[in-house]
PDB file of N, CA and C in Angstrom:
ATOM      1  N   MET A   1     -11.331  12.386  25.853  1.00  0.00           N
ATOM      2  CA  MET A   1     -12.063  11.764  24.870  1.00  0.00           C
ATOM      3  C   MET A   1     -12.241  10.518  25.249  1.00  0.00           C
ATOM      4  N   LEU A   2     -13.253   9.429  25.253  1.00  0.00           N
ATOM      5  CA  LEU A   2     -13.494   8.036  25.658  1.00  0.00           C
ATOM      6  C   LEU A   2     -12.693   7.039  24.879  1.00  0.00           C
ATOM      7  N   PHE A   3     -12.683   7.269  23.770  1.00  0.00           N
ATOM      8  CA  PHE A   3     -11.980   6.420  23.242  1.00  0.00           C
ATOM      9  C   PHE A   3     -10.678   6.930  22.594  1.00  0.00           C
ATOM     10  N   TYR A   4      -9.756   6.026  22.889  1.00  0.00           N
ATOM     11  CA  TYR A   4      -8.050   6.655  22.089  1.00  0.00           C
ATOM     12  C   TYR A   4      -7.145   5.484  21.663  1.00  0.00           C
ATOM     13  N   PRO A   5      -6.660   5.469  20.703  1.00  0.00           N
ATOM     14  CA  PRO A   5      -6.071   4.349  20.347  1.00  0.00           C
ATOM     15  C   PRO A   5      -4.864   3.896  21.003  1.00  0.00           C
ATOM     16  N   LYS A   6      -4.818   2.830  21.293  1.00  0.00           N
ATOM     17  CA  LYS A   6      -3.494   2.038  22.088  1.00  0.00           C
ATOM     18  C   LYS A   6      -2.429   1.399  21.098  1.00  0.00           C
ATOM     19  N   MET A   7      -2.792   1.263  19.799  1.00  0.00           N
ATOM     20  CA  MET A   7      -2.169   0.172  19.078  1.00  0.00           C
ATOM     21  C   MET A   7      -2.273   0.663  17.467  1.00  0.00           C
ATOM     22  N   TYR A   8      -1.012   0.853  16.784  1.00  0.00           N
ATOM     23  CA  TYR A   8      -1.164   1.269  15.622  1.00  0.00           C
ATOM     24  C   TYR A   8      -0.465   0.420  14.503  1.00  0.00           C
ATOM     25  N   VAL A   9      -1.184  -0.102  13.472  1.00  0.00           N
ATOM     26  CA  VAL A   9      -0.567  -1.126  12.669  1.00  0.00           C
ATOM     27  C   VAL A   9      -0.748  -0.527  11.381  1.00  0.00           C
ATOM     28  N   ASN A  10       0.004  -1.095  10.087  1.00  0.00           N
ATOM     29  CA  ASN A  10      -0.263  -0.536   8.870  1.00  0.00           C
ATOM     30  C   ASN A  10      -1.498  -1.142   8.104  1.00  0.00           C
ATOM     31  N   THR A  11      -1.648  -2.627   8.614  1.00  0.00           N
ATOM     32  CA  THR A  11      -2.702  -3.161   8.022  1.00  0.00           C
ATOM     33  C   THR A  11      -3.361  -3.867   9.171  1.00  0.00           C
ATOM     34  N   ILE A  12      -4.798  -4.345   8.660  1.00  0.00           N
ATOM     35  CA  ILE A  12      -5.471  -5.347   9.819  1.00  0.00           C
ATOM     36  C   ILE A  12      -4.713  -6.661   9.913  1.00  0.00           C
ATOM     37  N   LYS A  13      -3.688  -7.172   8.991  1.00  0.00           N
ATOM     38  CA  LYS A  13      -3.266  -8.162   9.181  1.00  0.00           C
ATOM     39  C   LYS A  13      -2.124  -8.250   9.986  1.00  0.00           C
ATOM     40  N   ASP A  14      -1.772  -6.715  10.526  1.00  0.00           N
ATOM     41  CA  ASP A  14      -0.528  -6.730  11.448  1.00  0.00           C
ATOM     42  C   ASP A  14      -0.938  -6.623  12.793  1.00  0.00           C
ATOM     43  N   ILE A  15      -2.469  -7.182  12.922  1.00  0.00           N
ATOM     44  CA  ILE A  15      -2.867  -6.848  14.366  1.00  0.00           C
ATOM     45  C   ILE A  15      -2.367  -8.270  15.174  1.00  0.00           C
ATOM     46  N   PRO A  16      -1.709  -8.539  16.206  1.00  0.00           N
ATOM     47  CA  PRO A  16      -1.140  -9.579  16.728  1.00  0.00           C
ATOM     48  C   PRO A  16      -2.287 -10.233  17.579  1.00  0.00           C
ATOM     49  N   TYR A  17      -2.951 -11.429  16.919  1.00  0.00           N
ATOM     50  CA  TYR A  17      -4.047 -11.897  17.389  1.00  0.00           C
ATOM     51  C   TYR A  17      -3.660 -12.601  19.106  1.00  0.00           C
ATOM     52  N   GLU A  18      -2.506 -12.873  18.982  1.00  0.00           N
ATOM     53  CA  GLU A  18      -2.175 -13.470  20.305  1.00  0.00           C
ATOM     54  C   GLU A  18      -1.989 -12.195  21.579  1.00  0.00           C
ATOM     55  N   GLU A  19      -1.806 -11.299  21.154  1.00  0.00           N
ATOM     56  CA  GLU A  19      -1.897  -9.822  21.989  1.00  0.00           C
ATOM     57  C   GLU A  19      -3.310  -9.664  22.328  1.00  0.00           C
ATOM     58  N   LEU A  20      -4.132  -9.746  21.263  1.00  0.00           N
ATOM     59  CA  LEU A  20      -5.967  -9.656  21.624  1.00  0.00           C
ATOM     60  C   LEU A  20      -5.995 -10.593  22.609  1.00  0.00           C
ATOM     61  N   GLU A  21      -5.925 -12.032  22.311  1.00  0.00           N
ATOM     62  CA  GLU A  21      -6.176 -13.210  23.078  1.00  0.00           C
ATOM     63  C   GLU A  21      -5.666 -12.694  24.550  1.00  0.00           C
ATOM     64  N   LYS A  22      -4.126 -12.778  24.882  1.00  0.00           N
ATOM     65  CA  LYS A  22      -3.752 -12.569  25.937  1.00  0.00           C
ATOM     66  C   LYS A  22      -4.209 -11.267  26.816  1.00  0.00           C
ATOM     67  N   ASN A  23      -4.848 -10.201  26.296  1.00  0.00           N
ATOM     68  CA  ASN A  23      -5.424  -9.124  27.015  1.00  0.00           C
ATOM     69  C   ASN A  23      -6.827  -9.322  27.112  1.00  0.00           C
ATOM     70  N   ASN A  24      -7.618 -10.783  26.909  1.00  0.00           N
ATOM     71  CA  ASN A  24      -8.904 -10.771  26.655  1.00  0.00           C
ATOM     72  C   ASN A  24      -9.524  -9.785  26.144  1.00  0.00           C
ATOM     73  N   ILE A  25      -9.243  -8.974  24.635  1.00  0.00           N
ATOM     74  CA  ILE A  25      -9.637  -8.101  24.065  1.00  0.00           C
ATOM     75  C   ILE A  25     -10.971  -8.683  23.220  1.00  0.00           C
ATOM     76  N   LYS A  26     -12.061  -8.564  22.995  1.00  0.00           N
ATOM     77  CA  LYS A  26     -13.246  -9.108  22.206  1.00  0.00           C
ATOM     78  C   LYS A  26     -13.394  -8.228  21.100  1.00  0.00           C
ATOM     79  N   ALA A  27     -12.941  -7.072  21.058  1.00  0.00           N
ATOM     80  CA  ALA A  27     -13.546  -6.303  19.925  1.00  0.00           C
ATOM     81  C   ALA A  27     -12.549  -5.246  19.624  1.00  0.00           C
ATOM     82  N   ILE A  28     -12.422  -4.703  18.318  1.00  0.00           N
ATOM     83  CA  ILE A  28     -11.688  -3.720  17.917  1.00  0.00           C
ATOM     84  C   ILE A  28     -12.335  -2.669  17.262  1.00  0.00           C
ATOM     85  N   ILE A  29     -11.975  -1.358  17.341  1.00  0.00           N
ATOM     86  CA  ILE A  29     -12.606  -0.092  16.706  1.00  0.00           C
ATOM     87  C   ILE A  29     -11.420   0.273  15.773  1.00  0.00           C
ATOM     88  N   LEU A  30     -12.137   0.105  14.483  1.00  0.00           N
ATOM     89  CA  LEU A  30     -11.264   0.567  13.613  1.00  0.00           C
ATOM     90  C   LEU A  30     -11.592   2.165  13.012  1.00  0.00           C
ATOM     91  N   ASP A  31     -10.856   3.176  12.934  1.00  0.00           N
ATOM     92  CA  ASP A  31     -11.185   4.439  12.241  1.00  0.00           C
ATOM     93  C   ASP A  31     -10.375   4.753  10.964  1.00  0.00           C
ATOM     94  N   MET A  32     -11.028   3.723   9.916  1.00  0.00           N
ATOM     95  CA  MET A  32     -10.646   4.131   8.410  1.00  0.00           C
ATOM     96  C   MET A  32     -10.627   5.095   8.051  1.00  0.00           C
ATOM     97  N   ASP A  33     -11.586   6.123   8.015  1.00  0.00           N
ATOM     98  CA  ASP A  33     -11.647   7.257   7.586  1.00  0.00           C
ATOM     99  C   ASP A  33     -11.505   8.300   8.480  1.00  0.00           C
ATOM    100  N   ASN A  34     -10.894   8.738   9.802  1.00  0.00           N
ATOM    101  CA  ASN A  34     -10.675   9.248  10.787  1.00  0.00           C
ATOM    102  C   ASN A  34     -11.828  10.228  11.318  1.00  0.00           C
ATOM    103  N   THR A  35     -13.064   9.377  11.391  1.00  0.00           N
ATOM    104  CA  THR A  35     -14.430  10.099  12.003  1.00  0.00           C
ATOM    105  C   THR A  35     -14.073  10.353  13.333  1.00  0.00           C
ATOM    106  N   LEU A  36     -13.306   9.327  14.128  1.00  0.00           N
ATOM    107  CA  LEU A  36     -13.532   9.344  15.494  1.00  0.00           C
ATOM    108  C   LEU A  36     -12.368  10.267  16.032  1.00  0.00           C
ATOM    109  N   ILE A  37     -11.398  10.459  15.584  1.00  0.00           N
ATOM    110  CA  ILE A  37     -10.409  11.533  16.136  1.00  0.00           C
ATOM    111  C   ILE A  37      -9.767  12.270  14.774  1.00  0.00           C
ATOM    112  N   ASP A  38      -9.780  13.515  14.990  1.00  0.00           N
ATOM    113  CA  ASP A  38      -9.140  14.420  14.076  1.00  0.00           C
ATOM    114  C   ASP A  38      -7.707  14.190  13.324  1.00  0.00           C
ATOM    115  N   PHE A  39      -7.605  13.818  11.692  1.00  0.00           N
ATOM    116  CA  PHE A  39      -6.422  13.615  11.480  1.00  0.00           C
ATOM    117  C   PHE A  39      -5.165  14.561  11.363  1.00  0.00           C
ATOM    118  N   GLU A  40      -5.399  15.566  11.774  1.00  0.00           N
ATOM    119  CA  GLU A  40      -4.476  16.397  12.168  1.00  0.00           C
ATOM    120  C   GLU A  40      -3.568  16.389  13.871  1.00  0.00           C
ATOM    121  N   VAL A  41      -4.488  15.696  14.380  1.00  0.00           N
ATOM    122  CA  VAL A  41      -4.038  15.386  16.054  1.00  0.00           C
ATOM    123  C   VAL A  41      -3.012  14.314  15.963  1.00  0.00           C
ATOM    124  N   ASN A  42      -1.782  14.440  16.288  1.00  0.00           N
ATOM    125  CA  ASN A  42      -0.753  13.600  16.624  1.00  0.00           C
ATOM    126  C   ASN A  42      -1.031  12.658  17.988  1.00  0.00           C
ATOM    127  N   VAL A  43      -1.646  11.535  17.551  1.00  0.00           N
ATOM    128  CA  VAL A  43      -1.966  10.574  19.104  1.00  0.00           C
ATOM    129  C   VAL A  43      -0.789  10.094  19.579  1.00  0.00           C
ATOM    130  N   LEU A  44       0.148   9.880  18.889  1.00  0.00           N
ATOM    131  CA  LEU A  44       1.563   9.271  19.478  1.00  0.00           C
ATOM    132  C   LEU A  44       1.961  10.093  20.459  1.00  0.00           C
ATOM    133  N   GLU A  45       1.991  11.524  20.049  1.00  0.00           N
ATOM    134  CA  GLU A  45       2.228  12.268  21.237  1.00  0.00           C
ATOM    135  C   GLU A  45       1.616  12.250  22.805  1.00  0.00           C
ATOM    136  N   ARG A  46       0.452  11.823  22.449  1.00  0.00           N
ATOM    137  CA  ARG A  46      -0.715  11.914  23.604  1.00  0.00           C
ATOM    138  C   ARG A  46      -0.541  10.696  24.388  1.00  0.00           C
ATOM    139  N   SER A  47       0.038   9.489  23.971  1.00  0.00           N
ATOM    140  CA  SER A  47      -0.388   8.394  24.750  1.00  0.00           C
ATOM    141  C   SER A  47       1.031   8.190  25.533  1.00  0.00           C
TER     142      SER A  47
END
């Protein structure tokens, strides 16, 4: 899989801006309806 989640937060407000800035992250991909990864896949086990 090309894109794989590296961070999990409960709401968009929980995304730490300082971490994004520190890691020079310019964009975020949000999978609100699980179209990028199957809902049944436990992504925490794969990371």
